[in-house]
Amino acid sequence: MRHGEYATYTAQKCRCTECRAASAAYARERYRLQTYGRWKPFTDAEAVRDHVLNLRRYISYDAIALLAQVPARSIDLLVYGRDGLSGSARMRTETARRLLAVSIDLDRMPDEMRLNVAGSRRRIQALMLRGWAIPLVAERCDVPRWQLDKVLNVALILRVFQARAIRDVTARLFDQDPPLTNRSERHTAAIVRNRARRNGWVPLAAWDDIDDPDAEPDLGTTVPRAQAIAEDAAFLAEQGLTPNEVAERLRISRGYLQRVKAAPQPQAPDRPPIGDS
């Protein structure tokens, strides 16, 4: 229960100093908006319901309520309605605003919150396609080997701090080969790569949204080297690397990187909607 919130005052019946102050502030704002004819306590729920159902593919309804700081009952009414068969047609405007503000952002979500494992599993698979064995990945992130094995094979959910660690280690290693300094290391890398290929695992670039549980990989066609470099450079820049660091990671000169980024990139052809003939 979070004090100092109008929802806590009404739903939890809390009468502490902070909650009473929140209720008084709400009443003043309501009176002000009523005076100017702008009081709209309710809004259409359809867009909010669509947003919440989309979030539900990644995290639970309880987690959504926690992130939005709204009562779990609000989501129950939004999704199922009072009869348990159809969701509410309208909802409180403030509740709608809070729910629409929720997004799947690993850097802002609580460490212990649980989310869908799909994105983390695909990242590990992409590293293995490059030859990175699970023990080597575990050495470079804060997730033990046995947990990475579970993520790869059987887990349905994982904690946010683990997903964050897997995301970060993937950003560091996705374009690098594992250690290949001796015969044993080269043999291990070959075994890992062959396993990934047999299972049909794909590189990071095959995913438009790697965290979307319903996404399908798009292997596309072979692209020119310059285009591939431009795509990899954009990905690294999104991870916070400077242009000099990007050029170093891609093993190209800063000047060539600038030319690639400045060159027009071919547009992907439009795809027909799924189900069209």
C-alpha atoms as a PDB file:
ATOM      1  CA  MET A   1       0.000   0.000   0.000  1.00  0.00           C
ATOM      2  CA  ARG A   2       1.401   3.367  -1.043  1.00  0.00           C
ATOM      3  CA  HIS A   3       0.475   6.297   1.161  1.00  0.00           C
ATOM      4  CA  GLY A   4      -0.203   9.758  -0.189  1.00  0.00           C
ATOM      5  CA  GLU A   5      -2.361   8.453  -3.052  1.00  0.00           C
ATOM      6  CA  TYR A   6      -6.051   9.157  -3.622  1.00  0.00           C
ATOM      7  CA  ALA A   7      -6.528   5.512  -4.630  1.00  0.00           C
ATOM      8  CA  THR A   8      -5.165   4.422  -1.238  1.00  0.00           C
ATOM      9  CA  TYR A   9      -7.607   6.752   0.493  1.00  0.00           C
ATOM     10  CA  THR A  10     -10.607   5.381  -1.412  1.00  0.00           C
ATOM     11  CA  ALA A  11      -9.762   1.722  -2.120  1.00  0.00           C
ATOM     12  CA  GLN A  12      -7.764   0.914   1.033  1.00  0.00           C
ATOM     13  CA  LYS A  13      -9.744   3.249   3.321  1.00  0.00           C
ATOM     14  CA  CYS A  14      -6.481   4.638   4.693  1.00  0.00           C
ATOM     15  CA  ARG A  15      -6.905   7.819   6.732  1.00  0.00           C
ATOM     16  CA  CYS A  16      -3.290   8.675   7.449  1.00  0.00           C
ATOM     17  CA  THR A  17      -2.110  12.272   7.087  1.00  0.00           C
ATOM     18  CA  GLU A  18      -0.642  11.698   3.627  1.00  0.00           C
ATOM     19  CA  CYS A  19      -3.750   9.985   2.234  1.00  0.00           C
ATOM     20  CA  ARG A  20      -6.092  12.611   3.674  1.00  0.00           C
ATOM     21  CA  ALA A  21      -3.943  15.289   2.025  1.00  0.00           C
ATOM     22  CA  ALA A  22      -4.141  13.399  -1.290  1.00  0.00           C
ATOM     23  CA  SER A  23      -7.932  13.212  -1.001  1.00  0.00           C
ATOM     24  CA  ALA A  24      -8.152  16.937  -0.271  1.00  0.00           C
ATOM     25  CA  ALA A  25      -5.907  17.741  -3.263  1.00  0.00           C
ATOM     26  CA  TYR A  26      -8.082  15.560  -5.486  1.00  0.00           C
ATOM     27  CA  ALA A  27     -11.219  17.366  -4.294  1.00  0.00           C
ATOM     28  CA  ARG A  28      -9.666  20.787  -4.976  1.00  0.00           C
ATOM     29  CA  GLU A  29      -8.610  19.762  -8.476  1.00  0.00           C
ATOM     30  CA  ARG A  30     -12.051  18.319  -9.184  1.00  0.00           C
ATOM     31  CA  TYR A  31     -13.729  21.548  -8.051  1.00  0.00           C
ATOM     32  CA  ARG A  32     -11.378  23.636 -10.195  1.00  0.00           C
ATOM     33  CA  LEU A  33     -12.025  21.555 -13.321  1.00  0.00           C
ATOM     34  CA  GLN A  34     -15.778  21.563 -12.674  1.00  0.00           C
ATOM     35  CA  THR A  35     -15.680  25.349 -12.459  1.00  0.00           C
ATOM     36  CA  TYR A  36     -14.157  25.569 -15.935  1.00  0.00           C
ATOM     37  CA  GLY A  37     -16.350  22.808 -17.370  1.00  0.00           C
ATOM     38  CA  ARG A  38     -13.405  20.459 -17.903  1.00  0.00           C
ATOM     39  CA  TRP A  39     -14.211  17.785 -15.356  1.00  0.00           C
ATOM     40  CA  LYS A  40     -14.057  14.382 -17.085  1.00  0.00           C
ATOM     41  CA  PRO A  41     -13.737  11.739 -14.384  1.00  0.00           C
ATOM     42  CA  PHE A  42     -14.355   8.849 -16.802  1.00  0.00           C
ATOM     43  CA  THR A  43     -12.968   7.897 -20.193  1.00  0.00           C
ATOM     44  CA  ASP A  44     -13.393   5.147 -22.767  1.00  0.00           C
ATOM     45  CA  ALA A  45     -11.670   1.957 -21.665  1.00  0.00           C
ATOM     46  CA  GLU A  46     -11.047   0.217 -25.003  1.00  0.00           C
ATOM     47  CA  ALA A  47      -7.582   1.616 -25.754  1.00  0.00           C
ATOM     48  CA  VAL A  48      -6.489   1.101 -22.154  1.00  0.00           C
ATOM     49  CA  ARG A  49      -7.708  -2.505 -22.198  1.00  0.00           C
ATOM     50  CA  ASP A  50      -5.762  -3.179 -25.408  1.00  0.00           C
ATOM     51  CA  HIS A  51      -2.637  -1.710 -23.790  1.00  0.00           C
ATOM     52  CA  VAL A  52      -3.041  -3.800 -20.630  1.00  0.00           C
ATOM     53  CA  LEU A  53      -3.637  -7.001 -22.628  1.00  0.00           C
ATOM     54  CA  ASN A  54      -0.481  -6.287 -24.600  1.00  0.00           C
ATOM     55  CA  LEU A  55       1.488  -5.766 -21.369  1.00  0.00           C
ATOM     56  CA  ARG A  56       0.066  -9.032 -20.046  1.00  0.00           C
ATOM     57  CA  ARG A  57       2.088 -10.935 -22.650  1.00  0.00           C
ATOM     58  CA  TYR A  58       5.210  -9.859 -20.740  1.00  0.00           C
ATOM     59  CA  ILE A  59       4.183  -9.462 -17.074  1.00  0.00           C
ATOM     60  CA  SER A  60       1.285 -10.418 -14.793  1.00  0.00           C
ATOM     61  CA  TYR A  61      -1.760  -8.282 -14.049  1.00  0.00           C
ATOM     62  CA  ASP A  62      -0.505  -7.823 -10.476  1.00  0.00           C
ATOM     63  CA  ALA A  63       2.803  -6.515 -11.827  1.00  0.00           C
ATOM     64  CA  ILE A  64       0.972  -4.091 -14.123  1.00  0.00           C
ATOM     65  CA  ALA A  65      -1.067  -2.813 -11.175  1.00  0.00           C
ATOM     66  CA  LEU A  66       2.118  -2.366  -9.146  1.00  0.00           C
ATOM     67  CA  LEU A  67       3.874  -0.416 -11.900  1.00  0.00           C
ATOM     68  CA  ALA A  68       0.821   1.764 -12.494  1.00  0.00           C
ATOM     69  CA  GLN A  69       0.190   2.233  -8.767  1.00  0.00           C
ATOM     70  CA  VAL A  70      -3.496   1.351  -9.160  1.00  0.00           C
ATOM     71  CA  PRO A  71      -5.584  -1.231  -7.261  1.00  0.00           C
ATOM     72  CA  ALA A  72      -5.562  -4.710  -8.779  1.00  0.00           C
ATOM     73  CA  ARG A  73      -9.375  -4.507  -8.734  1.00  0.00           C
ATOM     74  CA  SER A  74      -9.185  -1.770 -11.395  1.00  0.00           C
ATOM     75  CA  ILE A  75      -7.547  -4.184 -13.822  1.00  0.00           C
ATOM     76  CA  ASP A  76     -10.034  -6.925 -12.961  1.00  0.00           C
ATOM     77  CA  LEU A  77     -12.907  -4.602 -13.866  1.00  0.00           C
ATOM     78  CA  LEU A  78     -11.125  -3.378 -16.992  1.00  0.00           C
ATOM     79  CA  VAL A  79     -10.447  -6.873 -18.349  1.00  0.00           C
ATOM     80  CA  TYR A  80     -13.327  -8.956 -16.991  1.00  0.00           C
ATOM     81  CA  GLY A  81     -15.981  -6.455 -15.883  1.00  0.00           C
ATOM     82  CA  ARG A  82     -18.309  -6.926 -12.949  1.00  0.00           C
ATOM     83  CA  ASP A  83     -19.944  -9.972 -14.523  1.00  0.00           C
ATOM     84  CA  GLY A  84     -16.642 -11.670 -15.280  1.00  0.00           C
ATOM     85  CA  LEU A  85     -17.575 -11.928 -18.961  1.00  0.00           C
ATOM     86  CA  SER A  86     -16.888  -8.550 -20.556  1.00  0.00           C
ATOM     87  CA  GLY A  87     -14.630  -5.673 -19.599  1.00  0.00           C
ATOM     88  CA  SER A  88     -15.859  -2.275 -18.492  1.00  0.00           C
ATOM     89  CA  ALA A  89     -16.760   0.219 -21.211  1.00  0.00           C
ATOM     90  CA  ARG A  90     -15.537   3.192 -19.156  1.00  0.00           C
ATOM     91  CA  MET A  91     -13.006   3.769 -16.411  1.00  0.00           C
ATOM     92  CA  ARG A  92     -11.594   6.582 -14.341  1.00  0.00           C
ATOM     93  CA  THR A  93      -9.464   8.976 -16.366  1.00  0.00           C
ATOM     94  CA  GLU A  94      -6.631   9.026 -13.815  1.00  0.00           C
ATOM     95  CA  THR A  95      -6.502   5.225 -13.700  1.00  0.00           C
ATOM     96  CA  ALA A  96      -6.398   5.132 -17.498  1.00  0.00           C
ATOM     97  CA  ARG A  97      -3.547   7.636 -17.554  1.00  0.00           C
ATOM     98  CA  ARG A  98      -1.506   5.582 -15.118  1.00  0.00           C
ATOM     99  CA  LEU A  99      -2.055   2.326 -16.951  1.00  0.00           C
ATOM    100  CA  LEU A 100      -1.184   3.836 -20.324  1.00  0.00           C
ATOM    101  CA  ALA A 101       2.075   5.117 -18.840  1.00  0.00           C
ATOM    102  CA  VAL A 102       3.271   1.589 -18.024  1.00  0.00           C
ATOM    103  CA  SER A 103       5.840   0.148 -20.394  1.00  0.00           C
ATOM    104  CA  ILE A 104       8.219  -2.809 -20.426  1.00  0.00           C
ATOM    105  CA  ASP A 105      11.399  -0.976 -19.473  1.00  0.00           C
ATOM    106  CA  LEU A 106      13.960  -3.203 -17.757  1.00  0.00           C
ATOM    107  CA  ASP A 107      15.890  -0.218 -16.437  1.00  0.00           C
ATOM    108  CA  ARG A 108      12.854   1.124 -14.557  1.00  0.00           C
ATOM    109  CA  MET A 109      11.185  -2.080 -13.376  1.00  0.00           C
ATOM    110  CA  PRO A 110      11.852  -3.534  -9.888  1.00  0.00           C
ATOM    111  CA  ASP A 111      14.655  -6.102  -9.781  1.00  0.00           C
ATOM    112  CA  GLU A 112      12.497  -8.887  -8.359  1.00  0.00           C
ATOM    113  CA  MET A 113       9.554  -8.433 -10.716  1.00  0.00           C
ATOM    114  CA  ARG A 114       8.995 -11.412 -13.020  1.00  0.00           C
ATOM    115  CA  LEU A 115       8.511 -11.245 -16.772  1.00  0.00           C
ATOM    116  CA  ASN A 116       8.265 -13.486 -19.799  1.00  0.00           C
ATOM    117  CA  VAL A 117      11.469 -15.367 -20.618  1.00  0.00           C
ATOM    118  CA  ALA A 118      11.196 -15.140 -24.436  1.00  0.00           C
ATOM    119  CA  GLY A 119      13.568 -12.219 -25.042  1.00  0.00           C
ATOM    120  CA  SER A 120      16.252 -13.521 -22.693  1.00  0.00           C
ATOM    121  CA  ARG A 121      16.086 -17.012 -24.203  1.00  0.00           C
ATOM    122  CA  ARG A 122      16.472 -15.616 -27.734  1.00  0.00           C
ATOM    123  CA  ARG A 123      19.490 -13.562 -26.673  1.00  0.00           C
ATOM    124  CA  ILE A 124      21.233 -16.617 -25.230  1.00  0.00           C
ATOM    125  CA  GLN A 125      20.432 -18.573 -28.388  1.00  0.00           C
ATOM    126  CA  ALA A 126      21.949 -15.805 -30.520  1.00  0.00           C
ATOM    127  CA  LEU A 127      25.141 -15.861 -28.439  1.00  0.00           C
ATOM    128  CA  MET A 128      25.369 -19.636 -28.792  1.00  0.00           C
ATOM    129  CA  LEU A 129      24.977 -19.295 -32.546  1.00  0.00           C
ATOM    130  CA  ARG A 130      28.124 -17.170 -32.337  1.00  0.00           C
ATOM    131  CA  GLY A 131      29.862 -19.941 -30.374  1.00  0.00           C
ATOM    132  CA  TRP A 132      29.453 -18.648 -26.816  1.00  0.00           C
ATOM    133  CA  ALA A 133      28.953 -21.565 -24.426  1.00  0.00           C
ATOM    134  CA  ILE A 134      26.725 -21.088 -21.370  1.00  0.00           C
ATOM    135  CA  PRO A 135      29.636 -21.201 -18.863  1.00  0.00           C
ATOM    136  CA  LEU A 136      31.425 -18.411 -20.749  1.00  0.00           C
ATOM    137  CA  VAL A 137      28.281 -16.260 -20.770  1.00  0.00           C
ATOM    138  CA  ALA A 138      27.744 -16.892 -17.050  1.00  0.00           C
ATOM    139  CA  GLU A 139      31.303 -15.739 -16.307  1.00  0.00           C
ATOM    140  CA  ARG A 140      30.527 -12.397 -17.937  1.00  0.00           C
ATOM    141  CA  CYS A 141      27.188 -11.599 -16.291  1.00  0.00           C
ATOM    142  CA  ASP A 142      25.526 -11.767 -12.879  1.00  0.00           C
ATOM    143  CA  VAL A 143      23.426 -14.839 -13.675  1.00  0.00           C
ATOM    144  CA  PRO A 144      24.739 -18.266 -12.571  1.00  0.00           C
ATOM    145  CA  ARG A 145      25.220 -20.999 -15.142  1.00  0.00           C
ATOM    146  CA  TRP A 146      22.361 -23.160 -13.813  1.00  0.00           C
ATOM    147  CA  GLN A 147      19.928 -20.253 -14.138  1.00  0.00           C
ATOM    148  CA  LEU A 148      21.043 -19.565 -17.707  1.00  0.00           C
ATOM    149  CA  ASP A 149      20.450 -23.262 -18.443  1.00  0.00           C
ATOM    150  CA  LYS A 150      16.907 -22.928 -17.069  1.00  0.00           C
ATOM    151  CA  VAL A 151      16.276 -19.796 -19.131  1.00  0.00           C
ATOM    152  CA  LEU A 152      17.450 -21.600 -22.243  1.00  0.00           C
ATOM    153  CA  ASN A 153      15.532 -24.833 -21.693  1.00  0.00           C
ATOM    154  CA  VAL A 154      12.602 -24.836 -19.290  1.00  0.00           C
ATOM    155  CA  ALA A 155      11.860 -21.501 -17.605  1.00  0.00           C
ATOM    156  CA  LEU A 156       8.692 -19.560 -18.435  1.00  0.00           C
ATOM    157  CA  ILE A 157       9.532 -16.431 -16.425  1.00  0.00           C
ATOM    158  CA  LEU A 158      12.596 -14.834 -14.882  1.00  0.00           C
ATOM    159  CA  ARG A 159      13.353 -11.863 -12.662  1.00  0.00           C
ATOM    160  CA  VAL A 160      13.966  -8.435 -14.130  1.00  0.00           C
ATOM    161  CA  PHE A 161      17.545  -8.174 -12.823  1.00  0.00           C
ATOM    162  CA  GLN A 162      18.374 -11.437 -14.587  1.00  0.00           C
ATOM    163  CA  ALA A 163      16.791 -10.279 -17.853  1.00  0.00           C
ATOM    164  CA  ARG A 164      18.729  -7.019 -17.548  1.00  0.00           C
ATOM    165  CA  ALA A 165      22.016  -8.866 -17.035  1.00  0.00           C
ATOM    166  CA  ILE A 166      21.364 -11.122 -20.046  1.00  0.00           C
ATOM    167  CA  ARG A 167      20.451  -8.101 -22.184  1.00  0.00           C
ATOM    168  CA  ASP A 168      23.630  -6.268 -21.190  1.00  0.00           C
ATOM    169  CA  VAL A 169      25.996  -9.198 -21.721  1.00  0.00           C
ATOM    170  CA  THR A 170      24.412  -9.841 -25.124  1.00  0.00           C
ATOM    171  CA  ALA A 171      25.016  -6.216 -26.120  1.00  0.00           C
ATOM    172  CA  ARG A 172      28.688  -6.689 -25.254  1.00  0.00           C
ATOM    173  CA  LEU A 173      29.242 -10.064 -26.919  1.00  0.00           C
ATOM    174  CA  PHE A 174      26.843 -10.335 -29.859  1.00  0.00           C
ATOM    175  CA  ASP A 175      29.463  -9.283 -32.450  1.00  0.00           C
ATOM    176  CA  GLN A 176      32.467 -10.970 -30.833  1.00  0.00           C
ATOM    177  CA  ASP A 177      33.792 -14.500 -31.087  1.00  0.00           C
ATOM    178  CA  PRO A 178      34.401 -16.489 -27.896  1.00  0.00           C
ATOM    179  CA  PRO A 179      37.995 -17.237 -26.859  1.00  0.00           C
ATOM    180  CA  LEU A 180      39.611 -19.402 -29.549  1.00  0.00           C
ATOM    181  CA  THR A 181      43.192 -19.531 -28.297  1.00  0.00           C
ATOM    182  CA  ASN A 182      43.575 -23.309 -28.170  1.00  0.00           C
ATOM    183  CA  ARG A 183      42.152 -26.502 -29.621  1.00  0.00           C
ATOM    184  CA  SER A 184      39.798 -27.119 -26.693  1.00  0.00           C
ATOM    185  CA  GLU A 185      38.237 -23.644 -26.963  1.00  0.00           C
ATOM    186  CA  ARG A 186      37.818 -23.966 -30.723  1.00  0.00           C
ATOM    187  CA  HIS A 187      36.255 -27.422 -30.306  1.00  0.00           C
ATOM    188  CA  THR A 188      33.798 -26.153 -27.681  1.00  0.00           C
ATOM    189  CA  ALA A 189      32.786 -23.180 -29.831  1.00  0.00           C
ATOM    190  CA  ALA A 190      32.176 -25.475 -32.812  1.00  0.00           C
ATOM    191  CA  ILE A 191      29.981 -27.787 -30.713  1.00  0.00           C
ATOM    192  CA  VAL A 192      27.940 -24.822 -29.418  1.00  0.00           C
ATOM    193  CA  ARG A 193      27.496 -23.341 -32.899  1.00  0.00           C
ATOM    194  CA  ASN A 194      26.439 -26.694 -34.347  1.00  0.00           C
ATOM    195  CA  ARG A 195      23.861 -27.165 -31.588  1.00  0.00           C
ATOM    196  CA  ALA A 196      22.432 -23.709 -32.286  1.00  0.00           C
ATOM    197  CA  ARG A 197      22.197 -24.395 -36.016  1.00  0.00           C
ATOM    198  CA  ARG A 198      20.544 -27.783 -35.507  1.00  0.00           C
ATOM    199  CA  ASN A 199      17.899 -26.142 -33.309  1.00  0.00           C
ATOM    200  CA  GLY A 200      17.259 -23.404 -35.859  1.00  0.00           C
ATOM    201  CA  TRP A 201      18.292 -20.583 -33.533  1.00  0.00           C
ATOM    202  CA  VAL A 202      18.738 -17.202 -35.184  1.00  0.00           C
ATOM    203  CA  PRO A 203      20.928 -14.102 -34.734  1.00  0.00           C
ATOM    204  CA  LEU A 204      19.753 -10.919 -33.029  1.00  0.00           C
ATOM    205  CA  ALA A 205      19.222  -9.151 -36.339  1.00  0.00           C
ATOM    206  CA  ALA A 206      16.439 -11.607 -37.212  1.00  0.00           C
ATOM    207  CA  TRP A 207      14.155 -10.079 -34.566  1.00  0.00           C
ATOM    208  CA  ASP A 208      12.175  -6.880 -35.071  1.00  0.00           C
ATOM    209  CA  ASP A 209      11.200  -7.014 -31.388  1.00  0.00           C
ATOM    210  CA  ILE A 210      13.200  -9.691 -29.633  1.00  0.00           C
ATOM    211  CA  ASP A 211      11.193  -9.374 -26.399  1.00  0.00           C
ATOM    212  CA  ASP A 212       7.793  -9.865 -28.040  1.00  0.00           C
ATOM    213  CA  PRO A 213       6.728 -13.425 -27.108  1.00  0.00           C
ATOM    214  CA  ASP A 214       4.638 -13.690 -30.298  1.00  0.00           C
ATOM    215  CA  ALA A 215       7.295 -12.376 -32.690  1.00  0.00           C
ATOM    216  CA  GLU A 216       8.581 -14.518 -35.540  1.00  0.00           C
ATOM    217  CA  PRO A 217      12.182 -14.221 -36.792  1.00  0.00           C
ATOM    218  CA  ASP A 218      12.761 -12.664 -40.184  1.00  0.00           C
ATOM    219  CA  LEU A 219      15.912 -14.050 -41.731  1.00  0.00           C
ATOM    220  CA  GLY A 220      15.315 -12.069 -44.914  1.00  0.00           C
ATOM    221  CA  THR A 221      17.897 -12.215 -47.651  1.00  0.00           C
ATOM    222  CA  THR A 222      21.612 -11.578 -47.683  1.00  0.00           C
ATOM    223  CA  VAL A 223      22.237  -7.852 -47.289  1.00  0.00           C
ATOM    224  CA  PRO A 224      25.232  -5.794 -48.444  1.00  0.00           C
ATOM    225  CA  ARG A 225      28.056  -5.452 -45.939  1.00  0.00           C
ATOM    226  CA  ALA A 226      27.492  -1.705 -45.599  1.00  0.00           C
ATOM    227  CA  GLN A 227      23.852  -2.220 -44.673  1.00  0.00           C
ATOM    228  CA  ALA A 228      24.734  -4.898 -42.133  1.00  0.00           C
ATOM    229  CA  ILE A 229      27.321  -2.593 -40.572  1.00  0.00           C
ATOM    230  CA  ALA A 230      24.803   0.256 -40.435  1.00  0.00           C
ATOM    231  CA  GLU A 231      22.281  -1.979 -38.628  1.00  0.00           C
ATOM    232  CA  ASP A 232      24.880  -3.243 -36.155  1.00  0.00           C
ATOM    233  CA  ALA A 233      26.118   0.309 -35.556  1.00  0.00           C
ATOM    234  CA  ALA A 234      22.587   1.504 -34.821  1.00  0.00           C
ATOM    235  CA  PHE A 235      22.103  -1.341 -32.322  1.00  0.00           C
ATOM    236  CA  LEU A 236      25.372  -0.540 -30.529  1.00  0.00           C
ATOM    237  CA  ALA A 237      24.530   3.168 -30.429  1.00  0.00           C
ATOM    238  CA  GLU A 238      21.223   2.314 -28.740  1.00  0.00           C
ATOM    239  CA  GLN A 239      23.245   0.546 -26.028  1.00  0.00           C
ATOM    240  CA  GLY A 240      25.053   3.820 -25.284  1.00  0.00           C
ATOM    241  CA  LEU A 241      28.359   3.289 -27.126  1.00  0.00           C
ATOM    242  CA  THR A 242      30.106   6.331 -28.595  1.00  0.00           C
ATOM    243  CA  PRO A 243      30.921   6.454 -32.342  1.00  0.00           C
ATOM    244  CA  ASN A 244      34.572   5.667 -31.573  1.00  0.00           C
ATOM    245  CA  GLU A 245      33.552   2.659 -29.484  1.00  0.00           C
ATOM    246  CA  VAL A 246      31.150   1.472 -32.189  1.00  0.00           C
ATOM    247  CA  ALA A 247      33.871   1.670 -34.827  1.00  0.00           C
ATOM    248  CA  GLU A 248      36.273  -0.238 -32.592  1.00  0.00           C
ATOM    249  CA  ARG A 249      33.722  -2.978 -31.862  1.00  0.00           C
ATOM    250  CA  LEU A 250      32.924  -3.400 -35.554  1.00  0.00           C
ATOM    251  CA  ARG A 251      36.628  -3.268 -36.477  1.00  0.00           C
ATOM    252  CA  ILE A 252      36.200  -0.468 -38.979  1.00  0.00           C
ATOM    253  CA  SER A 253      37.516   3.079 -39.197  1.00  0.00           C
ATOM    254  CA  ARG A 254      35.539   6.022 -37.847  1.00  0.00           C
ATOM    255  CA  GLY A 255      35.478   7.529 -41.350  1.00  0.00           C
ATOM    256  CA  TYR A 256      33.985   4.387 -42.899  1.00  0.00           C
ATOM    257  CA  LEU A 257      31.383   4.267 -40.146  1.00  0.00           C
ATOM    258  CA  GLN A 258      30.355   7.843 -40.910  1.00  0.00           C
ATOM    259  CA  ARG A 259      30.060   7.075 -44.626  1.00  0.00           C
ATOM    260  CA  VAL A 260      27.943   3.991 -43.965  1.00  0.00           C
ATOM    261  CA  LYS A 261      25.615   5.913 -41.653  1.00  0.00           C
ATOM    262  CA  ALA A 262      25.263   8.755 -44.157  1.00  0.00           C
ATOM    263  CA  ALA A 263      24.488   6.463 -47.097  1.00  0.00           C
ATOM    264  CA  PRO A 264      20.771   5.845 -47.832  1.00  0.00           C
ATOM    265  CA  GLN A 265      19.695   2.398 -46.673  1.00  0.00           C
ATOM    266  CA  PRO A 266      17.398   0.238 -48.836  1.00  0.00           C
ATOM    267  CA  GLN A 267      13.831   0.027 -47.581  1.00  0.00           C
ATOM    268  CA  ALA A 268      12.417  -3.370 -46.682  1.00  0.00           C
ATOM    269  CA  PRO A 269       9.478  -4.339 -48.913  1.00  0.00           C
ATOM    270  CA  ASP A 270       6.019  -4.113 -47.394  1.00  0.00           C
ATOM    271  CA  ARG A 271       4.745  -7.450 -46.146  1.00  0.00           C
ATOM    272  CA  PRO A 272       1.099  -8.421 -46.598  1.00  0.00           C
ATOM    273  CA  PRO A 273      -0.859  -8.857 -43.388  1.00  0.00           C
ATOM    274  CA  ILE A 274      -0.855 -12.366 -41.970  1.00  0.00           C
ATOM    275  CA  GLY A 275      -3.669 -14.356 -43.450  1.00  0.00           C
ATOM    276  CA  ASP A 276      -3.821 -12.513 -46.773  1.00  0.00           C
ATOM    277  CA  SER A 277      -3.394 -14.611 -49.869  1.00  0.00           C
END
